[in-house]
Amino acid sequence: MTAAGAISSARPVRASLDFRDVAGRTHLMGQHTPHPFHITRPFRHLSDPQGMATLYLQSSSGGLYGDDDLGLTIRMGQGAAAHVTTQASTIVHDARGRAGAVQDVRLDIGPGGWLEYLPDPAILMSGARLSNRVTARVAEGSRLIMADAQLSHDPGGDGQPFGHLENAVSIVGPEGPLAIDRFDLAGTDWLRRTGGTRCSGMILTYGAGAAGPAMIAAMTPLAGLYAGLSTFAERDIHILRFLAEDGVALSRALTTAWRAARIALTGSPPHARRK
């Protein structure tokens, strides 16, 4: 279903990335990236956890359009570690009377796997309609740090909001769902629901108990933000939510929270990912 509640007539496009640990180093062992998906060659940073690979997701289409139906599956084998991010924010264009774009991301993290899935925010242009779903399946001993963020942008400055946003993030363990975070709203309600701010985001961690307190502590001194932390200790899940006054503050919040989580888990700051 799309954000408008109608079935898209577009042909679904599905991509996949398979990471595996080989002798203590993570390698991209399988990929299927049809248009508009594109990726960089994986690379490494010395300050990262042992063997971690970094990969950038790219798009050859310039964003999401009114009838796109895109899916991405990232599989992490046992003990594999990867940092997956995007080259830039994803622009969600005016649907122009079409049903709306669908983006379905599935993260499968095997035992002892470590995935940092940190895409840049989605930019919801005037008239945009988006159904965004992220489902993470986590195994015993796995770790996940993931971001989900959006900002509303009216390029004409004439008060035209995006059309509709349906957003769902789910964490599923071996015995069933651990957390489901879902909201659904029209663009006309965005500013009322956010207290007048155009930028909203969250970072969720699983299997990383020390990360939650570290993230909220790091966010507190930042200007232009309103943040709060939800802790589900029995499920080892932390959800950091924040509202930001502009895109700069939103990007700063995402980077600061990720950096704090990494330091809490490894004792070392991560190498900045240049965009």
C-alpha atoms as a PDB file:
ATOM      1  CA  MET A   1       0.000   0.000   0.000  1.00  0.00           C
ATOM      2  CA  THR A   2       1.144   3.521  -0.674  1.00  0.00           C
ATOM      3  CA  ALA A   3       0.891   6.552   1.562  1.00  0.00           C
ATOM      4  CA  ALA A   4      -2.354   7.437  -0.217  1.00  0.00           C
ATOM      5  CA  GLY A   5      -3.852   4.031   0.515  1.00  0.00           C
ATOM      6  CA  ALA A   6      -3.811   3.006  -3.163  1.00  0.00           C
ATOM      7  CA  ILE A   7      -1.830   0.349  -4.962  1.00  0.00           C
ATOM      8  CA  SER A   8       1.030   1.709  -7.055  1.00  0.00           C
ATOM      9  CA  SER A   9       1.067   0.737 -10.731  1.00  0.00           C
ATOM     10  CA  ALA A  10       4.863   0.988 -10.890  1.00  0.00           C
ATOM     11  CA  ARG A  11       7.046  -2.065 -11.365  1.00  0.00           C
ATOM     12  CA  PRO A  12       8.687  -2.935  -8.040  1.00  0.00           C
ATOM     13  CA  VAL A  13      12.476  -2.639  -8.031  1.00  0.00           C
ATOM     14  CA  ARG A  14      14.359  -4.645  -5.420  1.00  0.00           C
ATOM     15  CA  ALA A  15      18.045  -4.386  -4.493  1.00  0.00           C
ATOM     16  CA  SER A  16      20.132  -6.416  -2.069  1.00  0.00           C
ATOM     17  CA  LEU A  17      23.525  -6.323  -0.373  1.00  0.00           C
ATOM     18  CA  ASP A  18      25.108  -9.324   1.354  1.00  0.00           C
ATOM     19  CA  PHE A  19      27.964  -8.822   3.819  1.00  0.00           C
ATOM     20  CA  ARG A  20      30.031 -11.705   5.168  1.00  0.00           C
ATOM     21  CA  ASP A  21      32.903 -12.005   7.610  1.00  0.00           C
ATOM     22  CA  VAL A  22      35.986 -13.654   6.127  1.00  0.00           C
ATOM     23  CA  ALA A  23      38.901 -14.180   8.523  1.00  0.00           C
ATOM     24  CA  GLY A  24      37.953 -11.168  10.633  1.00  0.00           C
ATOM     25  CA  ARG A  25      37.240  -8.752   7.773  1.00  0.00           C
ATOM     26  CA  THR A  26      33.821  -7.954   6.357  1.00  0.00           C
ATOM     27  CA  HIS A  27      33.388  -8.175   2.595  1.00  0.00           C
ATOM     28  CA  LEU A  28      30.509  -7.458   0.252  1.00  0.00           C
ATOM     29  CA  MET A  29      29.955 -10.984  -1.026  1.00  0.00           C
ATOM     30  CA  GLY A  30      26.816 -10.390  -3.048  1.00  0.00           C
ATOM     31  CA  GLN A  31      24.994  -7.449  -4.594  1.00  0.00           C
ATOM     32  CA  HIS A  32      22.026  -6.790  -6.809  1.00  0.00           C
ATOM     33  CA  THR A  33      21.596  -3.078  -7.534  1.00  0.00           C
ATOM     34  CA  PRO A  34      19.293  -2.405 -10.500  1.00  0.00           C
ATOM     35  CA  HIS A  35      18.458   1.168 -11.556  1.00  0.00           C
ATOM     36  CA  PRO A  36      18.030   3.495  -9.715  1.00  0.00           C
ATOM     37  CA  PHE A  37      20.225   1.862  -7.050  1.00  0.00           C
ATOM     38  CA  HIS A  38      23.974   2.406  -7.173  1.00  0.00           C
ATOM     39  CA  ILE A  39      26.725   1.825  -4.639  1.00  0.00           C
ATOM     40  CA  THR A  40      30.333   2.750  -4.025  1.00  0.00           C
ATOM     41  CA  ARG A  41      33.104   0.281  -3.540  1.00  0.00           C
ATOM     42  CA  PRO A  42      33.359  -0.661   0.174  1.00  0.00           C
ATOM     43  CA  PHE A  43      36.252   0.849   2.091  1.00  0.00           C
ATOM     44  CA  ARG A  44      37.601   0.875   5.657  1.00  0.00           C
ATOM     45  CA  HIS A  45      38.704   3.227   8.418  1.00  0.00           C
ATOM     46  CA  LEU A  46      41.321   2.308  11.005  1.00  0.00           C
ATOM     47  CA  SER A  47      39.204   3.701  13.855  1.00  0.00           C
ATOM     48  CA  ASP A  48      36.268   1.406  13.071  1.00  0.00           C
ATOM     49  CA  PRO A  49      35.489  -1.876  14.827  1.00  0.00           C
ATOM     50  CA  GLN A  50      37.569  -4.822  13.645  1.00  0.00           C
ATOM     51  CA  GLY A  51      36.919  -5.623   9.996  1.00  0.00           C
ATOM     52  CA  MET A  52      34.056  -3.130   9.494  1.00  0.00           C
ATOM     53  CA  ALA A  53      33.326  -2.098   5.903  1.00  0.00           C
ATOM     54  CA  THR A  54      31.789   1.249   4.906  1.00  0.00           C
ATOM     55  CA  LEU A  55      29.547   1.523   1.859  1.00  0.00           C
ATOM     56  CA  TYR A  56      27.671   4.479   0.368  1.00  0.00           C
ATOM     57  CA  LEU A  57      24.261   4.073  -1.241  1.00  0.00           C
ATOM     58  CA  GLN A  58      23.639   6.272  -4.261  1.00  0.00           C
ATOM     59  CA  SER A  59      20.793   6.921  -6.700  1.00  0.00           C
ATOM     60  CA  SER A  60      20.975   7.398 -10.452  1.00  0.00           C
ATOM     61  CA  SER A  61      17.470   8.886 -10.669  1.00  0.00           C
ATOM     62  CA  GLY A  62      17.732  12.027  -8.536  1.00  0.00           C
ATOM     63  CA  GLY A  63      15.339  10.959  -5.808  1.00  0.00           C
ATOM     64  CA  LEU A  64      11.948   9.319  -5.277  1.00  0.00           C
ATOM     65  CA  TYR A  65       9.084  10.055  -7.660  1.00  0.00           C
ATOM     66  CA  GLY A  66       5.318   9.710  -7.518  1.00  0.00           C
ATOM     67  CA  ASP A  67       4.981   6.044  -8.431  1.00  0.00           C
ATOM     68  CA  ASP A  68       8.340   4.570  -7.389  1.00  0.00           C
ATOM     69  CA  ASP A  69       8.213   1.236  -5.563  1.00  0.00           C
ATOM     70  CA  LEU A  70      11.732   0.553  -4.267  1.00  0.00           C
ATOM     71  CA  GLY A  71      13.035  -2.051  -1.872  1.00  0.00           C
ATOM     72  CA  LEU A  72      16.452  -2.718  -0.353  1.00  0.00           C
ATOM     73  CA  THR A  73      17.569  -5.718   1.692  1.00  0.00           C
ATOM     74  CA  ILE A  74      20.852  -5.659   3.627  1.00  0.00           C
ATOM     75  CA  ARG A  75      21.995  -9.019   5.005  1.00  0.00           C
ATOM     76  CA  MET A  76      24.715  -9.254   7.627  1.00  0.00           C
ATOM     77  CA  GLY A  77      26.257 -12.683   8.045  1.00  0.00           C
ATOM     78  CA  GLN A  78      27.495 -14.010  11.379  1.00  0.00           C
ATOM     79  CA  GLY A  79      30.107 -11.651  12.844  1.00  0.00           C
ATOM     80  CA  ALA A  80      29.997  -9.246   9.870  1.00  0.00           C
ATOM     81  CA  ALA A  81      30.225  -5.489  10.510  1.00  0.00           C
ATOM     82  CA  ALA A  82      29.223  -2.668   8.144  1.00  0.00           C
ATOM     83  CA  HIS A  83      28.481   1.042   8.120  1.00  0.00           C
ATOM     84  CA  VAL A  84      25.960   1.812   5.367  1.00  0.00           C
ATOM     85  CA  THR A  85      25.055   5.400   4.613  1.00  0.00           C
ATOM     86  CA  THR A  86      23.964   7.542   1.671  1.00  0.00           C
ATOM     87  CA  GLN A  87      25.905   9.990  -0.438  1.00  0.00           C
ATOM     88  CA  ALA A  88      23.322  12.700   0.262  1.00  0.00           C
ATOM     89  CA  SER A  89      19.742  13.236   1.345  1.00  0.00           C
ATOM     90  CA  THR A  90      16.969  11.591  -0.670  1.00  0.00           C
ATOM     91  CA  ILE A  91      14.657  14.073  -2.374  1.00  0.00           C
ATOM     92  CA  VAL A  92      11.032  12.960  -2.475  1.00  0.00           C
ATOM     93  CA  HIS A  93       9.510  14.852  -5.397  1.00  0.00           C
ATOM     94  CA  ASP A  94       5.988  16.134  -5.908  1.00  0.00           C
ATOM     95  CA  ALA A  95       3.787  13.097  -6.621  1.00  0.00           C
ATOM     96  CA  ARG A  96       1.902  15.114  -9.293  1.00  0.00           C
ATOM     97  CA  GLY A  97      -1.354  13.290  -8.778  1.00  0.00           C
ATOM     98  CA  ARG A  98       0.165   9.808  -8.629  1.00  0.00           C
ATOM     99  CA  ALA A  99      -0.230   7.341  -5.768  1.00  0.00           C
ATOM    100  CA  GLY A 100       3.048   8.152  -4.016  1.00  0.00           C
ATOM    101  CA  ALA A 101       6.470   6.566  -3.604  1.00  0.00           C
ATOM    102  CA  VAL A 102       7.084   3.406  -1.585  1.00  0.00           C
ATOM    103  CA  GLN A 103      10.425   2.655   0.064  1.00  0.00           C
ATOM    104  CA  ASP A 104      10.800  -0.690   1.840  1.00  0.00           C
ATOM    105  CA  VAL A 105      14.098  -1.442   3.635  1.00  0.00           C
ATOM    106  CA  ARG A 106      14.864  -4.774   5.307  1.00  0.00           C
ATOM    107  CA  LEU A 107      17.855  -5.289   7.547  1.00  0.00           C
ATOM    108  CA  ASP A 108      18.770  -8.882   8.457  1.00  0.00           C
ATOM    109  CA  ILE A 109      21.546  -9.047  11.061  1.00  0.00           C
ATOM    110  CA  GLY A 110      22.994 -12.450  11.885  1.00  0.00           C
ATOM    111  CA  PRO A 111      24.484 -13.611  15.216  1.00  0.00           C
ATOM    112  CA  GLY A 112      27.239 -11.283  16.357  1.00  0.00           C
ATOM    113  CA  GLY A 113      26.639  -8.973  13.380  1.00  0.00           C
ATOM    114  CA  TRP A 114      27.020  -5.199  13.623  1.00  0.00           C
ATOM    115  CA  LEU A 115      25.159  -2.861  11.266  1.00  0.00           C
ATOM    116  CA  GLU A 116      25.148   0.914  11.261  1.00  0.00           C
ATOM    117  CA  TYR A 117      22.404   1.917   8.823  1.00  0.00           C
ATOM    118  CA  LEU A 118      22.558   5.707   8.709  1.00  0.00           C
ATOM    119  CA  PRO A 119      20.915   7.231   5.626  1.00  0.00           C
ATOM    120  CA  ASP A 120      20.713  10.993   5.333  1.00  0.00           C
ATOM    121  CA  PRO A 121      17.264  12.557   5.837  1.00  0.00           C
ATOM    122  CA  ALA A 122      14.460  12.330   3.297  1.00  0.00           C
ATOM    123  CA  ILE A 123      13.539  15.764   1.952  1.00  0.00           C
ATOM    124  CA  LEU A 124       9.763  15.935   1.466  1.00  0.00           C
ATOM    125  CA  MET A 125       9.095  18.478  -1.267  1.00  0.00           C
ATOM    126  CA  SER A 126       5.749  20.207  -1.754  1.00  0.00           C
ATOM    127  CA  GLY A 127       3.228  17.632  -2.928  1.00  0.00           C
ATOM    128  CA  ALA A 128       5.416  14.631  -2.065  1.00  0.00           C
ATOM    129  CA  ARG A 129       3.763  11.408  -0.902  1.00  0.00           C
ATOM    130  CA  LEU A 130       5.865   8.702   0.740  1.00  0.00           C
ATOM    131  CA  SER A 131       5.344   5.355   2.436  1.00  0.00           C
ATOM    132  CA  ASN A 132       8.594   4.482   4.200  1.00  0.00           C
ATOM    133  CA  ARG A 133       9.090   1.152   5.964  1.00  0.00           C
ATOM    134  CA  VAL A 134      12.212  -0.167   7.706  1.00  0.00           C
ATOM    135  CA  THR A 135      12.206  -3.632   9.255  1.00  0.00           C
ATOM    136  CA  ALA A 136      15.254  -4.946  11.127  1.00  0.00           C
ATOM    137  CA  ARG A 137      15.525  -8.630  12.058  1.00  0.00           C
ATOM    138  CA  VAL A 138      18.121  -9.062  14.779  1.00  0.00           C
ATOM    139  CA  ALA A 139      19.783 -12.253  15.976  1.00  0.00           C
ATOM    140  CA  GLU A 140      21.450 -13.106  19.274  1.00  0.00           C
ATOM    141  CA  GLY A 141      24.486 -10.954  20.019  1.00  0.00           C
ATOM    142  CA  SER A 142      23.855  -8.564  17.119  1.00  0.00           C
ATOM    143  CA  ARG A 143      24.110  -4.778  17.235  1.00  0.00           C
ATOM    144  CA  LEU A 144      22.207  -2.155  15.293  1.00  0.00           C
ATOM    145  CA  ILE A 145      22.482   1.617  15.074  1.00  0.00           C
ATOM    146  CA  MET A 146      19.998   3.055  12.597  1.00  0.00           C
ATOM    147  CA  ALA A 147      18.712   6.497  11.666  1.00  0.00           C
ATOM    148  CA  ASP A 148      15.408   7.642  10.243  1.00  0.00           C
ATOM    149  CA  ALA A 149      14.822  11.327   9.553  1.00  0.00           C
ATOM    150  CA  GLN A 150      12.721  13.634   7.415  1.00  0.00           C
ATOM    151  CA  LEU A 151      12.460  17.321   6.687  1.00  0.00           C
ATOM    152  CA  SER A 152       9.657  19.271   5.027  1.00  0.00           C
ATOM    153  CA  HIS A 153      10.720  21.657   2.266  1.00  0.00           C
ATOM    154  CA  ASP A 154       8.602  24.193   0.413  1.00  0.00           C
ATOM    155  CA  PRO A 155      10.935  25.400  -2.382  1.00  0.00           C
ATOM    156  CA  GLY A 156       8.505  28.019  -3.642  1.00  0.00           C
ATOM    157  CA  GLY A 157       8.012  29.529  -0.201  1.00  0.00           C
ATOM    158  CA  ASP A 158       4.273  29.759  -0.807  1.00  0.00           C
ATOM    159  CA  GLY A 159       3.124  27.546   2.031  1.00  0.00           C
ATOM    160  CA  GLN A 160       2.600  24.359   0.017  1.00  0.00           C
ATOM    161  CA  PRO A 161       3.348  21.340   2.274  1.00  0.00           C
ATOM    162  CA  PHE A 162       4.183  17.805   1.241  1.00  0.00           C
ATOM    163  CA  GLY A 163       1.180  15.601   0.618  1.00  0.00           C
ATOM    164  CA  HIS A 164       1.422  12.626   2.955  1.00  0.00           C
ATOM    165  CA  LEU A 165       3.913  10.595   4.973  1.00  0.00           C
ATOM    166  CA  GLU A 166       3.413   7.078   6.294  1.00  0.00           C
ATOM    167  CA  ASN A 167       6.433   5.905   8.299  1.00  0.00           C
ATOM    168  CA  ALA A 168       7.048   2.618  10.098  1.00  0.00           C
ATOM    169  CA  VAL A 169      10.159   1.225  11.818  1.00  0.00           C
ATOM    170  CA  SER A 170      10.084  -2.308  13.255  1.00  0.00           C
ATOM    171  CA  ILE A 171      12.615  -4.378  15.207  1.00  0.00           C
ATOM    172  CA  VAL A 172      12.000  -8.123  15.167  1.00  0.00           C
ATOM    173  CA  GLY A 173      13.897 -10.620  17.326  1.00  0.00           C
ATOM    174  CA  PRO A 174      14.099 -14.418  17.127  1.00  0.00           C
ATOM    175  CA  GLU A 175      10.843 -14.754  19.086  1.00  0.00           C
ATOM    176  CA  GLY A 176       8.866 -11.973  17.414  1.00  0.00           C
ATOM    177  CA  PRO A 177       8.462  -8.181  17.357  1.00  0.00           C
ATOM    178  CA  LEU A 178      10.463  -6.167  19.881  1.00  0.00           C
ATOM    179  CA  ALA A 179       9.421  -2.656  18.849  1.00  0.00           C
ATOM    180  CA  ILE A 180       7.131  -1.075  16.270  1.00  0.00           C
ATOM    181  CA  ASP A 181       7.242   2.687  15.747  1.00  0.00           C
ATOM    182  CA  ARG A 182       4.663   4.046  13.336  1.00  0.00           C
ATOM    183  CA  PHE A 183       3.075   7.353  12.378  1.00  0.00           C
ATOM    184  CA  ASP A 184       0.889   8.589   9.564  1.00  0.00           C
ATOM    185  CA  LEU A 185       0.146  12.228   8.807  1.00  0.00           C
ATOM    186  CA  ALA A 186      -0.726  14.709   6.114  1.00  0.00           C
ATOM    187  CA  GLY A 187       1.682  17.484   5.237  1.00  0.00           C
ATOM    188  CA  THR A 188      -0.886  20.043   6.345  1.00  0.00           C
ATOM    189  CA  ASP A 189      -0.545  18.655   9.891  1.00  0.00           C
ATOM    190  CA  TRP A 190       3.261  18.517  10.001  1.00  0.00           C
ATOM    191  CA  LEU A 191       3.994  21.926  11.550  1.00  0.00           C
ATOM    192  CA  ARG A 192       1.177  21.570  14.061  1.00  0.00           C
ATOM    193  CA  ARG A 193       2.435  18.167  15.172  1.00  0.00           C
ATOM    194  CA  THR A 194       6.077  19.276  15.402  1.00  0.00           C
ATOM    195  CA  GLY A 195       5.486  22.611  17.099  1.00  0.00           C
ATOM    196  CA  GLY A 196       6.501  24.579  14.013  1.00  0.00           C
ATOM    197  CA  THR A 197       9.775  22.825  13.196  1.00  0.00           C
ATOM    198  CA  ARG A 198      10.346  21.375   9.732  1.00  0.00           C
ATOM    199  CA  CYS A 199      12.879  18.669  10.667  1.00  0.00           C
ATOM    200  CA  SER A 200      12.372  15.463  12.605  1.00  0.00           C
ATOM    201  CA  GLY A 201      14.614  12.472  13.247  1.00  0.00           C
ATOM    202  CA  MET A 202      15.396   9.449  15.345  1.00  0.00           C
ATOM    203  CA  ILE A 203      18.294   7.119  16.021  1.00  0.00           C
ATOM    204  CA  LEU A 204      17.491   3.662  17.302  1.00  0.00           C
ATOM    205  CA  THR A 205      19.969   1.244  18.835  1.00  0.00           C
ATOM    206  CA  TYR A 206      19.660  -2.453  19.597  1.00  0.00           C
ATOM    207  CA  GLY A 207      22.170  -4.526  21.538  1.00  0.00           C
ATOM    208  CA  ALA A 208      24.030  -1.385  22.537  1.00  0.00           C
ATOM    209  CA  GLY A 209      22.867  -0.602  26.065  1.00  0.00           C
ATOM    210  CA  ALA A 210      25.498   2.040  26.831  1.00  0.00           C
ATOM    211  CA  ALA A 211      24.691   3.991  23.671  1.00  0.00           C
ATOM    212  CA  GLY A 212      21.349   5.468  24.755  1.00  0.00           C
ATOM    213  CA  PRO A 213      22.507   7.571  27.730  1.00  0.00           C
ATOM    214  CA  ALA A 214      25.606   8.601  25.778  1.00  0.00           C
ATOM    215  CA  MET A 215      23.527   9.855  22.847  1.00  0.00           C
ATOM    216  CA  ILE A 216      21.146  12.012  24.892  1.00  0.00           C
ATOM    217  CA  ALA A 217      24.057  13.436  26.896  1.00  0.00           C
ATOM    218  CA  ALA A 218      25.850  14.418  23.692  1.00  0.00           C
ATOM    219  CA  MET A 219      22.714  16.052  22.265  1.00  0.00           C
ATOM    220  CA  THR A 220      21.935  18.218  25.289  1.00  0.00           C
ATOM    221  CA  PRO A 221      24.430  21.028  24.515  1.00  0.00           C
ATOM    222  CA  LEU A 222      23.425  21.352  20.860  1.00  0.00           C
ATOM    223  CA  ALA A 223      21.505  24.446  19.802  1.00  0.00           C
ATOM    224  CA  GLY A 224      18.328  24.318  17.747  1.00  0.00           C
ATOM    225  CA  LEU A 225      17.233  20.884  18.977  1.00  0.00           C
ATOM    226  CA  TYR A 226      14.567  19.355  21.173  1.00  0.00           C
ATOM    227  CA  ALA A 227      15.433  15.743  22.027  1.00  0.00           C
ATOM    228  CA  GLY A 228      14.171  12.906  24.185  1.00  0.00           C
ATOM    229  CA  LEU A 229      15.239   9.330  24.877  1.00  0.00           C
ATOM    230  CA  SER A 230      13.007   6.267  25.265  1.00  0.00           C
ATOM    231  CA  THR A 231      14.617   3.251  26.920  1.00  0.00           C
ATOM    232  CA  PHE A 232      13.373  -0.345  26.763  1.00  0.00           C
ATOM    233  CA  ALA A 233      16.044  -1.944  28.914  1.00  0.00           C
ATOM    234  CA  GLU A 234      14.531  -5.444  28.944  1.00  0.00           C
ATOM    235  CA  ARG A 235      14.761  -5.478  25.127  1.00  0.00           C
ATOM    236  CA  ASP A 236      18.070  -3.596  24.906  1.00  0.00           C
ATOM    237  CA  ILE A 237      16.506  -0.933  22.686  1.00  0.00           C
ATOM    238  CA  HIS A 238      17.001   2.828  22.901  1.00  0.00           C
ATOM    239  CA  ILE A 239      15.151   5.322  20.706  1.00  0.00           C
ATOM    240  CA  LEU A 240      16.425   8.895  20.560  1.00  0.00           C
ATOM    241  CA  ARG A 241      13.960  11.330  18.971  1.00  0.00           C
ATOM    242  CA  PHE A 242      14.595  14.930  18.098  1.00  0.00           C
ATOM    243  CA  LEU A 243      13.129  17.962  16.378  1.00  0.00           C
ATOM    244  CA  ALA A 244      15.509  20.383  14.681  1.00  0.00           C
ATOM    245  CA  GLU A 245      15.036  23.963  13.593  1.00  0.00           C
ATOM    246  CA  ASP A 246      16.692  23.420  10.189  1.00  0.00           C
ATOM    247  CA  GLY A 247      18.561  20.907   8.041  1.00  0.00           C
ATOM    248  CA  VAL A 248      21.934  21.902   9.424  1.00  0.00           C
ATOM    249  CA  ALA A 249      20.823  21.221  12.991  1.00  0.00           C
ATOM    250  CA  LEU A 250      19.234  17.928  11.882  1.00  0.00           C
ATOM    251  CA  SER A 251      22.426  16.686  10.230  1.00  0.00           C
ATOM    252  CA  ARG A 252      24.460  17.778  13.259  1.00  0.00           C
ATOM    253  CA  ALA A 253      22.135  15.840  15.546  1.00  0.00           C
ATOM    254  CA  LEU A 254      22.395  12.636  13.501  1.00  0.00           C
ATOM    255  CA  THR A 255      26.182  12.825  13.381  1.00  0.00           C
ATOM    256  CA  THR A 256      26.509  13.685  17.069  1.00  0.00           C
ATOM    257  CA  ALA A 257      24.274  10.835  18.186  1.00  0.00           C
ATOM    258  CA  TRP A 258      26.070   8.271  16.011  1.00  0.00           C
ATOM    259  CA  ARG A 259      29.458   9.467  17.214  1.00  0.00           C
ATOM    260  CA  ALA A 260      28.365   9.247  20.860  1.00  0.00           C
ATOM    261  CA  ALA A 261      26.976   5.734  20.353  1.00  0.00           C
ATOM    262  CA  ARG A 262      30.180   4.534  18.730  1.00  0.00           C
ATOM    263  CA  ILE A 263      32.355   5.969  21.519  1.00  0.00           C
ATOM    264  CA  ALA A 264      30.126   4.329  24.134  1.00  0.00           C
ATOM    265  CA  LEU A 265      30.495   0.955  22.427  1.00  0.00           C
ATOM    266  CA  THR A 266      34.157   0.994  21.415  1.00  0.00           C
ATOM    267  CA  GLY A 267      35.844   3.768  23.405  1.00  0.00           C
ATOM    268  CA  SER A 268      37.043   5.376  20.160  1.00  0.00           C
ATOM    269  CA  PRO A 269      35.476   8.133  18.046  1.00  0.00           C
ATOM    270  CA  PRO A 270      34.562   7.112  14.498  1.00  0.00           C
ATOM    271  CA  HIS A 271      36.201   8.556  11.420  1.00  0.00           C
ATOM    272  CA  ALA A 272      33.920  11.174   9.816  1.00  0.00           C
ATOM    273  CA  ARG A 273      32.179  10.011   6.647  1.00  0.00           C
ATOM    274  CA  ARG A 274      32.604  12.750   4.076  1.00  0.00           C
ATOM    275  CA  LYS A 275      29.602  13.569   1.916  1.00  0.00           C
END
